[in-house]
């Protein structure tokens, strides 16, 4: 916009948000549960993706990473929360690669309390394609996010991710880079500590909520 002639001192960013007040109530009651241990029957860290299962999300890349997980890559489980056009092809890949015991197609979920539990108990949220509001949802419930590093193709919400603080980035469309980024993250953070969770909460509480949006609008209009 500056390049198009708009004055920089008249430009203000209003960050996107979800149902913050409701999610905050849920967040304050969250605690660690055995939801993934009970389902997968193991203690591996769990990666979550929540959103539509569409080709633009490039979710097959996660299965490619899992396929080679026995080759000195940290073992992990994977849960897809949501459905979409790519579900059938993803299910076929899971069977082809022998990953059925470590991949959970949870399906659609509109119960925010259950969504909170699923996200909070995951180790990391990964969207190999663009990430959008998935990042806001994930950080709201204390789980960092990983996505690709081509910011010109990203949705604006990618800015909530600070490398090493609230998530990480890998080289776009590069499975080896995604594999390395996931592995490095899980080796460094085999279990989310309180600081990591608070990092996620903090950025949402500062910017990605209606209160910030309203205060910014008031300041500009006044």
Protein backbone atom coordinates (compact mmCIF):
# COMPACT_ATOMS: atom_id res chain seq x y z
CA UNK A 1 0.00 0.00 0.00
CA UNK A 2 2.91 2.33 0.69
CA UNK A 3 4.23 1.56 -2.77
CA UNK A 4 0.83 2.51 -4.16
CA UNK A 5 0.99 5.92 -2.53
CA UNK A 6 -0.81 5.41 0.77
CA UNK A 7 0.70 7.28 3.71
CA UNK A 8 2.45 4.93 6.10
CA UNK A 9 1.21 6.80 9.19
CA UNK A 10 -2.37 6.14 8.09
CA UNK A 11 -1.99 2.37 7.79
CA UNK A 12 -2.95 0.11 10.69
CA UNK A 13 -3.05 -3.67 10.87
CA UNK A 14 -6.08 -5.34 12.44
CA UNK A 15 -5.13 -8.95 13.11
CA UNK A 16 -7.63 -11.74 12.47
CA UNK A 17 -9.35 -13.64 15.27
CA UNK A 18 -11.73 -16.45 16.11
CA UNK A 19 -14.33 -16.72 18.90
CA UNK A 20 -11.77 -15.48 21.43
CA UNK A 21 -13.99 -15.01 24.50
CA UNK A 22 -15.47 -18.51 24.24
CA UNK A 23 -12.11 -20.08 23.50
CA UNK A 24 -10.53 -18.26 26.44
CA UNK A 25 -13.08 -19.80 28.81
CA UNK A 26 -12.24 -23.23 27.42
CA UNK A 27 -8.49 -22.59 27.51
CA UNK A 28 -8.55 -21.74 31.20
CA UNK A 29 -9.99 -25.18 31.97
CA UNK A 30 -7.67 -27.21 29.76
CA UNK A 31 -5.35 -29.83 31.20
CA UNK A 32 -3.32 -32.69 29.83
CA UNK A 33 -5.37 -35.81 29.06
CA UNK A 34 -4.62 -39.28 27.70
CA UNK A 35 -6.69 -38.82 24.53
CA UNK A 36 -3.84 -39.72 22.18
CA UNK A 37 -2.26 -42.39 24.34
CA UNK A 38 -5.65 -44.10 24.62
CA UNK A 39 -6.23 -43.98 20.88
CA UNK A 40 -2.77 -44.76 19.51
CA UNK A 41 -1.65 -47.03 22.37
CA UNK A 42 1.80 -45.42 22.44
CA UNK A 43 3.61 -42.45 23.94
CA UNK A 44 4.79 -40.86 20.71
CA UNK A 45 4.28 -37.12 20.25
CA UNK A 46 1.20 -36.28 18.18
CA UNK A 47 1.07 -33.84 15.27
CA UNK A 48 -2.32 -32.28 14.56
CA UNK A 49 -3.84 -30.67 11.50
CA UNK A 50 -7.22 -28.99 11.90
CA UNK A 51 -9.11 -27.65 8.91
CA UNK A 52 -10.41 -28.72 5.52
CA UNK A 53 -8.57 -31.65 3.93
CA UNK A 54 -7.87 -29.97 0.60
CA UNK A 55 -5.06 -30.19 -1.94
CA UNK A 56 -3.83 -26.66 -1.17
CA UNK A 57 -2.87 -27.85 2.32
CA UNK A 58 -0.49 -30.47 0.83
CA UNK A 59 -1.19 -32.89 3.66
CA UNK A 60 0.26 -35.81 1.71
CA UNK A 61 3.66 -34.37 2.58
CA UNK A 62 3.07 -35.29 6.23
CA UNK A 63 2.44 -38.89 5.25
CA UNK A 64 5.63 -38.88 3.15
CA UNK A 65 7.53 -37.73 6.23
CA UNK A 66 5.89 -40.43 8.36
CA UNK A 67 6.76 -43.10 5.79
CA UNK A 68 10.45 -42.44 6.36
CA UNK A 69 10.13 -41.95 10.11
CA UNK A 70 11.90 -45.24 10.81
CA UNK A 71 15.01 -43.82 9.16
CA UNK A 72 16.46 -41.89 12.11
CA UNK A 73 13.42 -39.62 12.27
CA UNK A 74 11.50 -39.08 15.48
CA UNK A 75 8.41 -41.27 15.52
CA UNK A 76 5.10 -39.46 15.84
CA UNK A 77 1.36 -39.91 15.51
CA UNK A 78 -0.80 -37.79 13.22
CA UNK A 79 -4.40 -36.67 13.67
CA UNK A 80 -6.53 -34.95 11.03
CA UNK A 81 -9.42 -32.97 12.51
CA UNK A 82 -11.75 -32.10 9.65
CA UNK A 83 -12.77 -33.58 6.34
CA UNK A 84 -12.66 -32.61 2.69
CA UNK A 85 -12.04 -33.68 -0.90
CA UNK A 86 -8.59 -35.12 -0.14
CA UNK A 87 -9.71 -37.47 2.63
CA UNK A 88 -10.06 -40.52 0.42
CA UNK A 89 -6.68 -40.08 -1.27
CA UNK A 90 -5.03 -39.49 2.12
CA UNK A 91 -6.63 -42.65 3.49
CA UNK A 92 -5.29 -44.59 0.50
CA UNK A 93 -1.79 -43.26 1.14
CA UNK A 94 -2.05 -44.26 4.80
CA UNK A 95 -2.86 -47.84 3.76
CA UNK A 96 -0.18 -47.84 1.06
CA UNK A 97 2.51 -46.71 3.50
CA UNK A 98 1.34 -48.96 6.37
CA UNK A 99 0.60 -46.05 8.68
CA UNK A 100 -2.91 -46.96 9.83
CA UNK A 101 -1.94 -47.48 13.47
CA UNK A 102 -0.39 -44.00 13.68
CA UNK A 103 -2.88 -41.85 11.72
CA UNK A 104 -6.29 -40.86 13.07
CA UNK A 105 -8.90 -39.36 10.78
CA UNK A 106 -10.92 -37.77 13.55
CA UNK A 107 -13.35 -36.13 11.14
CA UNK A 108 -15.38 -32.96 11.52
CA UNK A 109 -15.68 -31.51 15.00
CA UNK A 110 -17.74 -28.49 15.99
CA UNK A 111 -17.50 -29.03 19.74
CA UNK A 112 -15.02 -26.34 20.80
CA UNK A 113 -14.31 -28.04 24.13
CA UNK A 114 -13.24 -31.20 22.32
CA UNK A 115 -11.26 -29.17 19.78
CA UNK A 116 -9.47 -27.50 22.67
CA UNK A 117 -8.55 -30.89 24.13
CA UNK A 118 -7.32 -32.21 20.79
CA UNK A 119 -5.13 -29.18 20.08
CA UNK A 120 -3.81 -28.70 23.62
CA UNK A 121 -2.66 -32.32 23.89
CA UNK A 122 -0.87 -32.27 20.52
CA UNK A 123 2.85 -31.50 20.35
CA UNK A 124 2.70 -29.37 17.20
CA UNK A 125 0.27 -28.33 14.49
CA UNK A 126 1.59 -28.71 10.94
CA UNK A 127 0.10 -27.33 7.72
CA UNK A 128 2.51 -28.04 4.82
CA UNK A 129 0.51 -25.75 2.51
CA UNK A 130 -0.76 -22.35 3.62
CA UNK A 131 -1.91 -22.13 7.22
CA UNK A 132 -4.39 -19.27 7.73
CA UNK A 133 -6.67 -19.38 10.77
CA UNK A 134 -5.42 -22.86 11.65
CA UNK A 135 -2.41 -21.14 13.22
CA UNK A 136 -4.64 -18.90 15.35
CA UNK A 137 -6.73 -21.85 16.51
CA UNK A 138 -3.61 -23.87 17.34
CA UNK A 139 -1.80 -21.16 19.29
CA UNK A 140 -4.98 -20.20 21.12
CA UNK A 141 -4.85 -23.61 22.77
CA UNK A 142 -1.11 -23.61 23.43
CA UNK A 143 0.23 -25.59 20.48
CA UNK A 144 2.93 -24.14 18.17
CA UNK A 145 2.60 -24.36 14.37
CA UNK A 146 4.84 -25.30 11.46
CA UNK A 147 4.23 -24.24 7.86
CA UNK A 148 6.19 -23.32 4.71
CA UNK A 149 8.44 -20.28 4.33
CA UNK A 150 7.15 -18.75 1.06
CA UNK A 151 5.34 -15.87 2.71
CA UNK A 152 4.08 -14.42 -0.59
CA UNK A 153 1.86 -17.51 -0.89
CA UNK A 154 0.84 -17.65 2.77
CA UNK A 155 -2.36 -16.47 4.40
CA UNK A 156 -1.74 -13.38 6.59
CA UNK A 157 -2.13 -15.34 9.84
CA UNK A 158 1.27 -16.98 9.28
CA UNK A 159 2.73 -13.92 11.04
CA UNK A 160 1.64 -15.38 14.39
CA UNK A 161 4.52 -17.86 14.02
CA UNK A 162 7.86 -16.73 15.40
CA UNK A 163 10.62 -19.18 14.52
CA UNK A 164 11.67 -21.18 17.56
CA UNK A 165 9.16 -19.40 19.81
CA UNK A 166 5.67 -20.22 18.55
CA UNK A 167 6.61 -22.60 15.76
CA UNK A 168 8.88 -22.95 12.75
CA UNK A 169 9.09 -22.80 8.96
CA UNK A 170 10.37 -25.23 6.33
CA UNK A 171 11.29 -24.72 2.68
CA UNK A 172 8.14 -24.74 0.56
CA UNK A 173 7.34 -28.06 -1.18
CA UNK A 174 10.53 -29.64 0.18
CA UNK A 175 9.75 -32.90 1.97
CA UNK A 176 13.30 -33.25 3.28
CA UNK A 177 13.10 -29.77 4.77
CA UNK A 178 9.73 -30.55 6.36
CA UNK A 179 11.12 -33.80 7.73
CA UNK A 180 14.14 -32.04 9.22
CA UNK A 181 12.05 -29.22 10.69
CA UNK A 182 9.60 -31.62 12.36
CA UNK A 183 12.41 -33.82 13.63
CA UNK A 184 14.41 -30.90 15.04
CA UNK A 185 11.32 -29.48 16.74
CA UNK A 186 10.32 -32.76 18.37
CA UNK A 187 13.87 -33.49 19.49
CA UNK A 188 14.10 -30.05 21.09
CA UNK A 189 10.54 -30.16 22.43
CA UNK A 190 9.66 -33.82 23.11
CA UNK A 191 7.04 -32.44 25.46
CA UNK A 192 5.59 -28.93 25.51
CA UNK A 193 6.72 -27.03 28.60
CA UNK A 194 4.88 -24.16 30.26
CA UNK A 195 7.05 -21.52 28.58
CA UNK A 196 6.26 -22.83 25.11
CA UNK A 197 2.54 -22.90 25.88
CA UNK A 198 2.66 -19.38 27.30
CA UNK A 199 4.49 -18.15 24.18
CA UNK A 200 1.51 -19.30 22.14
CA UNK A 201 -1.05 -17.77 24.48
CA UNK A 202 0.78 -14.44 24.67
CA UNK A 203 0.76 -13.53 20.97
CA UNK A 204 -2.96 -14.35 20.67
CA UNK A 205 -3.82 -12.41 23.81
CA UNK A 206 -1.88 -9.36 22.60
CA UNK A 207 -3.05 -9.07 19.01
CA UNK A 208 -5.32 -11.76 17.63
CA UNK A 209 -8.53 -10.98 19.49
CA UNK A 210 -11.55 -8.64 19.17
CA UNK A 211 -10.47 -6.45 22.09
CA UNK A 212 -7.28 -5.45 20.29
CA UNK A 213 -9.24 -4.92 17.09
CA UNK A 214 -11.82 -2.70 18.78
CA UNK A 215 -9.21 -0.61 20.60
CA UNK A 216 -7.35 -0.05 17.35
CA UNK A 217 -10.53 1.01 15.56
CA UNK A 218 -11.39 3.43 18.37
CA UNK A 219 -7.91 4.96 18.35
CA UNK A 220 -7.99 5.47 14.60
CA UNK A 221 -11.51 6.89 14.52
CA UNK A 222 -10.82 9.25 17.43
